[in-house]
Amino acid sequence: MANFLFVLSRDDAQAGTRCFQLAKIAHSKGHQVNLFLIDDGVLWADSTRDLKVRTTTGDCPQDYLPYLVENEVPIGV
């Protein structure tokens, strides 16, 4: 088992989606995962934010972030 630290510093659907996707994959494989939101990334902590904005690959933050919350992956703001 490895330890992963993901840091999201941008308020961008593409960056957020990739960060949440990689964190979900690592956690689902049994690794310890921590996520930090810094700079403009703290805007992802807004519970009223629209998480269904699609990226160029067709996925969105809504596809991954709920998993992290439901599985109590530590998210620091």
PDB file of N, CA and C in Angstrom:
ATOM      1  N   MET A   1       0.844  -1.173   0.000  1.00  0.00           N
ATOM      2  CA  MET A   1       0.000   0.000   0.000  1.00  0.00           C
ATOM      3  C   MET A   1       0.891   1.239   0.000  1.00  0.00           C
ATOM      4  N   ALA A   2       0.535   2.206  -0.823  1.00  0.00           N
ATOM      5  CA  ALA A   2       1.287   3.456  -0.928  1.00  0.00           C
ATOM      6  C   ALA A   2       0.464   4.611  -0.377  1.00  0.00           C
ATOM      7  N   ASN A   3       1.126   5.718  -0.131  1.00  0.00           N
ATOM      8  CA  ASN A   3       0.461   6.941   0.313  1.00  0.00           C
ATOM      9  C   ASN A   3       0.456   7.931  -0.845  1.00  0.00           C
ATOM     10  N   PHE A   4      -0.705   8.520  -1.117  1.00  0.00           N
ATOM     11  CA  PHE A   4      -0.835   9.501  -2.185  1.00  0.00           C
ATOM     12  C   PHE A   4      -1.355  10.813  -1.616  1.00  0.00           C
ATOM     13  N   LEU A   5      -0.783  11.908  -2.077  1.00  0.00           N
ATOM     14  CA  LEU A   5      -1.238  13.240  -1.732  1.00  0.00           C
ATOM     15  C   LEU A   5      -1.552  13.962  -3.033  1.00  0.00           C
ATOM     16  N   PHE A   6      -2.803  14.383  -3.185  1.00  0.00           N
ATOM     17  CA  PHE A   6      -3.229  15.130  -4.359  1.00  0.00           C
ATOM     18  C   PHE A   6      -3.490  16.564  -3.934  1.00  0.00           C
ATOM     19  N   VAL A   7      -2.960  17.514  -4.685  1.00  0.00           N
ATOM     20  CA  VAL A   7      -3.139  18.928  -4.394  1.00  0.00           C
ATOM     21  C   VAL A   7      -3.804  19.570  -5.601  1.00  0.00           C
ATOM     22  N   LEU A   8      -4.964  20.166  -5.366  1.00  0.00           N
ATOM     23  CA  LEU A   8      -5.711  20.834  -6.435  1.00  0.00           C
ATOM     24  C   LEU A   8      -5.700  22.330  -6.155  1.00  0.00           C
ATOM     25  N   SER A   9      -5.129  23.085  -7.089  1.00  0.00           N
ATOM     26  CA  SER A   9      -4.995  24.532  -6.869  1.00  0.00           C
ATOM     27  C   SER A   9      -5.722  25.351  -7.927  1.00  0.00           C
ATOM     28  N   ARG A  10      -6.495  24.704  -8.779  1.00  0.00           N
ATOM     29  CA  ARG A  10      -7.177  25.433  -9.859  1.00  0.00           C
ATOM     30  C   ARG A  10      -8.682  25.233  -9.797  1.00  0.00           C
ATOM     31  N   ASP A  11      -9.402  26.264 -10.167  1.00  0.00           N
ATOM     32  CA  ASP A  11     -10.860  26.216 -10.281  1.00  0.00           C
ATOM     33  C   ASP A  11     -11.192  25.940 -11.735  1.00  0.00           C
ATOM     34  N   ASP A  12     -10.944  24.724 -12.139  1.00  0.00           N
ATOM     35  CA  ASP A  12     -11.057  24.332 -13.531  1.00  0.00           C
ATOM     36  C   ASP A  12     -11.656  22.931 -13.574  1.00  0.00           C
ATOM     37  N   ALA A  13     -12.706  22.726 -14.368  1.00  0.00           N
ATOM     38  CA  ALA A  13     -13.376  21.425 -14.408  1.00  0.00           C
ATOM     39  C   ALA A  13     -12.437  20.308 -14.858  1.00  0.00           C
ATOM     40  N   GLN A  14     -11.576  20.600 -15.809  1.00  0.00           N
ATOM     41  CA  GLN A  14     -10.638  19.589 -16.302  1.00  0.00           C
ATOM     42  C   GLN A  14      -9.669  19.167 -15.186  1.00  0.00           C
ATOM     43  N   ALA A  15      -9.071  20.134 -14.516  1.00  0.00           N
ATOM     44  CA  ALA A  15      -8.114  19.834 -13.442  1.00  0.00           C
ATOM     45  C   ALA A  15      -8.809  19.123 -12.279  1.00  0.00           C
ATOM     46  N   GLY A  16      -9.988  19.599 -11.902  1.00  0.00           N
ATOM     47  CA  GLY A  16     -10.727  18.981 -10.804  1.00  0.00           C
ATOM     48  C   GLY A  16     -11.120  17.550 -11.118  1.00  0.00           C
ATOM     49  N   THR A  17     -11.614  17.337 -12.312  1.00  0.00           N
ATOM     50  CA  THR A  17     -12.023  15.988 -12.712  1.00  0.00           C
ATOM     51  C   THR A  17     -10.847  15.028 -12.658  1.00  0.00           C
ATOM     52  N   ARG A  18      -9.702  15.420 -13.217  1.00  0.00           N
ATOM     53  CA  ARG A  18      -8.531  14.540 -13.217  1.00  0.00           C
ATOM     54  C   ARG A  18      -8.030  14.268 -11.806  1.00  0.00           C
ATOM     55  N   CYS A  19      -7.992  15.299 -10.982  1.00  0.00           N
ATOM     56  CA  CYS A  19      -7.528  15.131  -9.601  1.00  0.00           C
ATOM     57  C   CYS A  19      -8.436  14.152  -8.848  1.00  0.00           C
ATOM     58  N   PHE A  20      -9.739  14.354  -8.939  1.00  0.00           N
ATOM     59  CA  PHE A  20     -10.685  13.485  -8.244  1.00  0.00           C
ATOM     60  C   PHE A  20     -10.657  12.068  -8.815  1.00  0.00           C
ATOM     61  N   GLN A  21     -10.472  11.959 -10.130  1.00  0.00           N
ATOM     62  CA  GLN A  21     -10.408  10.641 -10.763  1.00  0.00           C
ATOM     63  C   GLN A  21      -9.193   9.852 -10.258  1.00  0.00           C
ATOM     64  N   LEU A  22      -8.031  10.485 -10.267  1.00  0.00           N
ATOM     65  CA  LEU A  22      -6.825   9.794  -9.819  1.00  0.00           C
ATOM     66  C   LEU A  22      -6.891   9.439  -8.334  1.00  0.00           C
ATOM     67  N   ALA A  23      -7.467  10.328  -7.531  1.00  0.00           N
ATOM     68  CA  ALA A  23      -7.626  10.043  -6.105  1.00  0.00           C
ATOM     69  C   ALA A  23      -8.559   8.847  -5.900  1.00  0.00           C
ATOM     70  N   LYS A  24      -9.638   8.802  -6.668  1.00  0.00           N
ATOM     71  CA  LYS A  24     -10.582   7.682  -6.557  1.00  0.00           C
ATOM     72  C   LYS A  24      -9.921   6.367  -6.954  1.00  0.00           C
ATOM     73  N   ILE A  25      -9.187   6.380  -8.039  1.00  0.00           N
ATOM     74  CA  ILE A  25      -8.512   5.162  -8.493  1.00  0.00           C
ATOM     75  C   ILE A  25      -7.533   4.667  -7.442  1.00  0.00           C
ATOM     76  N   ALA A  26      -6.710   5.561  -6.921  1.00  0.00           N
ATOM     77  CA  ALA A  26      -5.725   5.169  -5.912  1.00  0.00           C
ATOM     78  C   ALA A  26      -6.417   4.601  -4.674  1.00  0.00           C
ATOM     79  N   HIS A  27      -7.474   5.275  -4.209  1.00  0.00           N
ATOM     80  CA  HIS A  27      -8.182   4.806  -3.015  1.00  0.00           C
ATOM     81  C   HIS A  27      -8.855   3.458  -3.262  1.00  0.00           C
ATOM     82  N   SER A  28      -9.467   3.298  -4.416  1.00  0.00           N
ATOM     83  CA  SER A  28     -10.169   2.041  -4.703  1.00  0.00           C
ATOM     84  C   SER A  28      -9.207   0.863  -4.832  1.00  0.00           C
ATOM     85  N   LYS A  29      -7.919   1.140  -5.058  1.00  0.00           N
ATOM     86  CA  LYS A  29      -6.909   0.086  -5.111  1.00  0.00           C
ATOM     87  C   LYS A  29      -6.298  -0.179  -3.731  1.00  0.00           C
ATOM     88  N   GLY A  30      -6.841   0.475  -2.697  1.00  0.00           N
ATOM     89  CA  GLY A  30      -6.414   0.210  -1.329  1.00  0.00           C
ATOM     90  C   GLY A  30      -5.318   1.108  -0.802  1.00  0.00           C
ATOM     91  N   HIS A  31      -4.952   2.141  -1.549  1.00  0.00           N
ATOM     92  CA  HIS A  31      -3.903   3.049  -1.110  1.00  0.00           C
ATOM     93  C   HIS A  31      -4.470   4.123  -0.180  1.00  0.00           C
ATOM     94  N   GLN A  32      -3.605   4.665   0.668  1.00  0.00           N
ATOM     95  CA  GLN A  32      -3.979   5.792   1.531  1.00  0.00           C
ATOM     96  C   GLN A  32      -3.954   7.057   0.679  1.00  0.00           C
ATOM     97  N   VAL A  33      -5.040   7.817   0.686  1.00  0.00           N
ATOM     98  CA  VAL A  33      -5.159   9.011  -0.150  1.00  0.00           C
ATOM     99  C   VAL A  33      -5.531  10.207   0.713  1.00  0.00           C
ATOM    100  N   ASN A  34      -4.862  11.330   0.461  1.00  0.00           N
ATOM    101  CA  ASN A  34      -5.211  12.617   1.050  1.00  0.00           C
ATOM    102  C   ASN A  34      -5.315  13.621  -0.081  1.00  0.00           C
ATOM    103  N   LEU A  35      -6.259  14.537   0.038  1.00  0.00           N
ATOM    104  CA  LEU A  35      -6.491  15.552  -0.984  1.00  0.00           C
ATOM    105  C   LEU A  35      -6.492  16.917  -0.320  1.00  0.00           C
ATOM    106  N   PHE A  36      -5.751  17.858  -0.886  1.00  0.00           N
ATOM    107  CA  PHE A  36      -5.726  19.225  -0.373  1.00  0.00           C
ATOM    108  C   PHE A  36      -6.205  20.184  -1.453  1.00  0.00           C
ATOM    109  N   LEU A  37      -7.077  21.101  -1.064  1.00  0.00           N
ATOM    110  CA  LEU A  37      -7.554  22.153  -1.951  1.00  0.00           C
ATOM    111  C   LEU A  37      -6.875  23.450  -1.527  1.00  0.00           C
ATOM    112  N   ILE A  38      -6.104  24.033  -2.429  1.00  0.00           N
ATOM    113  CA  ILE A  38      -5.401  25.276  -2.122  1.00  0.00           C
ATOM    114  C   ILE A  38      -5.684  26.307  -3.207  1.00  0.00           C
ATOM    115  N   ASP A  39      -5.356  27.555  -2.936  1.00  0.00           N
ATOM    116  CA  ASP A  39      -5.532  28.657  -3.887  1.00  0.00           C
ATOM    117  C   ASP A  39      -6.954  28.618  -4.473  1.00  0.00           C
ATOM    118  N   ASP A  40      -7.089  28.685  -5.784  1.00  0.00           N
ATOM    119  CA  ASP A  40      -8.424  28.662  -6.399  1.00  0.00           C
ATOM    120  C   ASP A  40      -9.116  27.304  -6.257  1.00  0.00           C
ATOM    121  N   GLY A  41      -8.359  26.282  -5.898  1.00  0.00           N
ATOM    122  CA  GLY A  41      -8.949  24.959  -5.698  1.00  0.00           C
ATOM    123  C   GLY A  41      -9.932  24.892  -4.548  1.00  0.00           C
ATOM    124  N   VAL A  42      -9.857  25.859  -3.611  1.00  0.00           N
ATOM    125  CA  VAL A  42     -10.793  25.843  -2.479  1.00  0.00           C
ATOM    126  C   VAL A  42     -12.230  26.048  -2.936  1.00  0.00           C
ATOM    127  N   LEU A  43     -12.426  26.561  -4.126  1.00  0.00           N
ATOM    128  CA  LEU A  43     -13.781  26.753  -4.640  1.00  0.00           C
ATOM    129  C   LEU A  43     -14.500  25.430  -4.866  1.00  0.00           C
ATOM    130  N   TRP A  44     -13.746  24.326  -4.932  1.00  0.00           N
ATOM    131  CA  TRP A  44     -14.370  23.004  -5.056  1.00  0.00           C
ATOM    132  C   TRP A  44     -15.056  22.575  -3.755  1.00  0.00           C
ATOM    133  N   ALA A  45     -14.792  23.248  -2.653  1.00  0.00           N
ATOM    134  CA  ALA A  45     -15.411  22.903  -1.377  1.00  0.00           C
ATOM    135  C   ALA A  45     -16.828  23.450  -1.249  1.00  0.00           C
ATOM    136  N   ASP A  46     -17.270  24.246  -2.208  1.00  0.00           N
ATOM    137  CA  ASP A  46     -18.622  24.818  -2.197  1.00  0.00           C
ATOM    138  C   ASP A  46     -19.633  23.719  -2.516  1.00  0.00           C
ATOM    139  N   SER A  47     -20.462  23.371  -1.539  1.00  0.00           N
ATOM    140  CA  SER A  47     -21.420  22.266  -1.721  1.00  0.00           C
ATOM    141  C   SER A  47     -22.518  22.583  -2.731  1.00  0.00           C
ATOM    142  N   THR A  48     -22.672  23.845  -3.125  1.00  0.00           N
ATOM    143  CA  THR A  48     -23.701  24.202  -4.115  1.00  0.00           C
ATOM    144  C   THR A  48     -23.128  24.249  -5.536  1.00  0.00           C
ATOM    145  N   ARG A  49     -21.878  23.951  -5.677  1.00  0.00           N
ATOM    146  CA  ARG A  49     -21.216  24.013  -6.984  1.00  0.00           C
ATOM    147  C   ARG A  49     -21.768  22.953  -7.939  1.00  0.00           C
ATOM    148  N   ASP A  50     -21.879  23.317  -9.212  1.00  0.00           N
ATOM    149  CA  ASP A  50     -22.325  22.378 -10.248  1.00  0.00           C
ATOM    150  C   ASP A  50     -21.166  21.453 -10.599  1.00  0.00           C
ATOM    151  N   LEU A  51     -21.299  20.183 -10.263  1.00  0.00           N
ATOM    152  CA  LEU A  51     -20.241  19.206 -10.511  1.00  0.00           C
ATOM    153  C   LEU A  51     -20.450  18.440 -11.809  1.00  0.00           C
ATOM    154  N   LYS A  52     -21.430  18.843 -12.598  1.00  0.00           N
ATOM    155  CA  LYS A  52     -21.757  18.106 -13.820  1.00  0.00           C
ATOM    156  C   LYS A  52     -21.209  18.753 -15.083  1.00  0.00           C
ATOM    157  N   VAL A  53     -20.270  19.676 -14.934  1.00  0.00           N
ATOM    158  CA  VAL A  53     -19.636  20.312 -16.091  1.00  0.00           C
ATOM    159  C   VAL A  53     -18.723  19.281 -16.738  1.00  0.00           C
ATOM    160  N   ARG A  54     -18.988  18.951 -17.993  1.00  0.00           N
ATOM    161  CA  ARG A  54     -18.240  17.912 -18.708  1.00  0.00           C
ATOM    162  C   ARG A  54     -16.889  18.422 -19.211  1.00  0.00           C
ATOM    163  N   THR A  55     -15.917  17.536 -19.187  1.00  0.00           N
ATOM    164  CA  THR A  55     -14.599  17.852 -19.736  1.00  0.00           C
ATOM    165  C   THR A  55     -14.571  17.427 -21.200  1.00  0.00           C
ATOM    166  N   THR A  56     -13.467  17.649 -21.861  1.00  0.00           N
ATOM    167  CA  THR A  56     -13.362  17.260 -23.268  1.00  0.00           C
ATOM    168  C   THR A  56     -13.426  15.747 -23.457  1.00  0.00           C
ATOM    169  N   THR A  57     -13.144  14.991 -22.413  1.00  0.00           N
ATOM    170  CA  THR A  57     -13.224  13.530 -22.496  1.00  0.00           C
ATOM    171  C   THR A  57     -14.603  12.992 -22.124  1.00  0.00           C
ATOM    172  N   GLY A  58     -15.513  13.884 -21.723  1.00  0.00           N
ATOM    173  CA  GLY A  58     -16.887  13.488 -21.441  1.00  0.00           C
ATOM    174  C   GLY A  58     -17.202  13.167 -19.998  1.00  0.00           C
ATOM    175  N   ASP A  59     -16.207  13.090 -19.149  1.00  0.00           N
ATOM    176  CA  ASP A  59     -16.500  12.842 -17.738  1.00  0.00           C
ATOM    177  C   ASP A  59     -16.559  14.164 -16.988  1.00  0.00           C
ATOM    178  N   CYS A  60     -16.913  14.106 -15.722  1.00  0.00           N
ATOM    179  CA  CYS A  60     -17.076  15.328 -14.932  1.00  0.00           C
ATOM    180  C   CYS A  60     -16.746  15.046 -13.471  1.00  0.00           C
ATOM    181  N   PRO A  61     -16.560  16.089 -12.672  1.00  0.00           N
ATOM    182  CA  PRO A  61     -16.240  15.887 -11.253  1.00  0.00           C
ATOM    183  C   PRO A  61     -17.284  15.031 -10.514  1.00  0.00           C
ATOM    184  N   GLN A  62     -18.531  15.119 -10.923  1.00  0.00           N
ATOM    185  CA  GLN A  62     -19.611  14.347 -10.295  1.00  0.00           C
ATOM    186  C   GLN A  62     -19.368  12.843 -10.414  1.00  0.00           C
ATOM    187  N   ASP A  63     -18.587  12.433 -11.398  1.00  0.00           N
ATOM    188  CA  ASP A  63     -18.284  11.015 -11.576  1.00  0.00           C
ATOM    189  C   ASP A  63     -17.349  10.472 -10.508  1.00  0.00           C
ATOM    190  N   TYR A  64     -16.614  11.338  -9.813  1.00  0.00           N
ATOM    191  CA  TYR A  64     -15.565  10.885  -8.906  1.00  0.00           C
ATOM    192  C   TYR A  64     -15.643  11.459  -7.483  1.00  0.00           C
ATOM    193  N   LEU A  65     -15.998  12.730  -7.342  1.00  0.00           N
ATOM    194  CA  LEU A  65     -15.976  13.375  -6.033  1.00  0.00           C
ATOM    195  C   LEU A  65     -16.914  12.718  -5.020  1.00  0.00           C
ATOM    196  N   PRO A  66     -18.135  12.325  -5.387  1.00  0.00           N
ATOM    197  CA  PRO A  66     -19.004  11.675  -4.381  1.00  0.00           C
ATOM    198  C   PRO A  66     -18.375  10.414  -3.777  1.00  0.00           C
ATOM    199  N   TYR A  67     -17.634   9.664  -4.565  1.00  0.00           N
ATOM    200  CA  TYR A  67     -16.946   8.476  -4.032  1.00  0.00           C
ATOM    201  C   TYR A  67     -15.987   8.872  -2.915  1.00  0.00           C
ATOM    202  N   LEU A  68     -15.220   9.934  -3.151  1.00  0.00           N
ATOM    203  CA  LEU A  68     -14.237  10.376  -2.157  1.00  0.00           C
ATOM    204  C   LEU A  68     -14.922  10.808  -0.867  1.00  0.00           C
ATOM    205  N   VAL A  69     -16.026  11.516  -0.985  1.00  0.00           N
ATOM    206  CA  VAL A  69     -16.771  11.980   0.191  1.00  0.00           C
ATOM    207  C   VAL A  69     -17.391  10.791   0.927  1.00  0.00           C
ATOM    208  N   GLU A  70     -18.050   9.889   0.181  1.00  0.00           N
ATOM    209  CA  GLU A  70     -18.706   8.735   0.795  1.00  0.00           C
ATOM    210  C   GLU A  70     -17.707   7.816   1.503  1.00  0.00           C
ATOM    211  N   ASN A  71     -16.502   7.740   0.983  1.00  0.00           N
ATOM    212  CA  ASN A  71     -15.482   6.870   1.576  1.00  0.00           C
ATOM    213  C   ASN A  71     -14.574   7.603   2.546  1.00  0.00           C
ATOM    214  N   GLU A  72     -14.974   8.823   2.898  1.00  0.00           N
ATOM    215  CA  GLU A  72     -14.296   9.630   3.906  1.00  0.00           C
ATOM    216  C   GLU A  72     -12.802   9.806   3.637  1.00  0.00           C
ATOM    217  N   VAL A  73     -12.472  10.007   2.347  1.00  0.00           N
ATOM    218  CA  VAL A  73     -11.092  10.338   2.004  1.00  0.00           C
ATOM    219  C   VAL A  73     -10.829  11.743   2.555  1.00  0.00           C
ATOM    220  N   PRO A  74      -9.763  11.945   3.326  1.00  0.00           N
ATOM    221  CA  PRO A  74      -9.500  13.257   3.922  1.00  0.00           C
ATOM    222  C   PRO A  74      -9.284  14.324   2.846  1.00  0.00           C
ATOM    223  N   ILE A  75     -10.069  15.404   2.946  1.00  0.00           N
ATOM    224  CA  ILE A  75      -9.947  16.531   2.035  1.00  0.00           C
ATOM    225  C   ILE A  75      -9.699  17.774   2.883  1.00  0.00           C
ATOM    226  N   GLY A  76      -8.507  18.322   2.777  1.00  0.00           N
ATOM    227  CA  GLY A  76      -8.153  19.513   3.538  1.00  0.00           C
ATOM    228  C   GLY A  76      -8.341  20.766   2.697  1.00  0.00           C
ATOM    229  N   VAL A  77      -8.860  21.800   3.351  1.00  0.00           N
ATOM    230  CA  VAL A  77      -9.078  23.081   2.660  1.00  0.00           C
ATOM    231  C   VAL A  77      -8.246  24.133   3.355  1.00  0.00           C
TER     232      VAL A  77
END
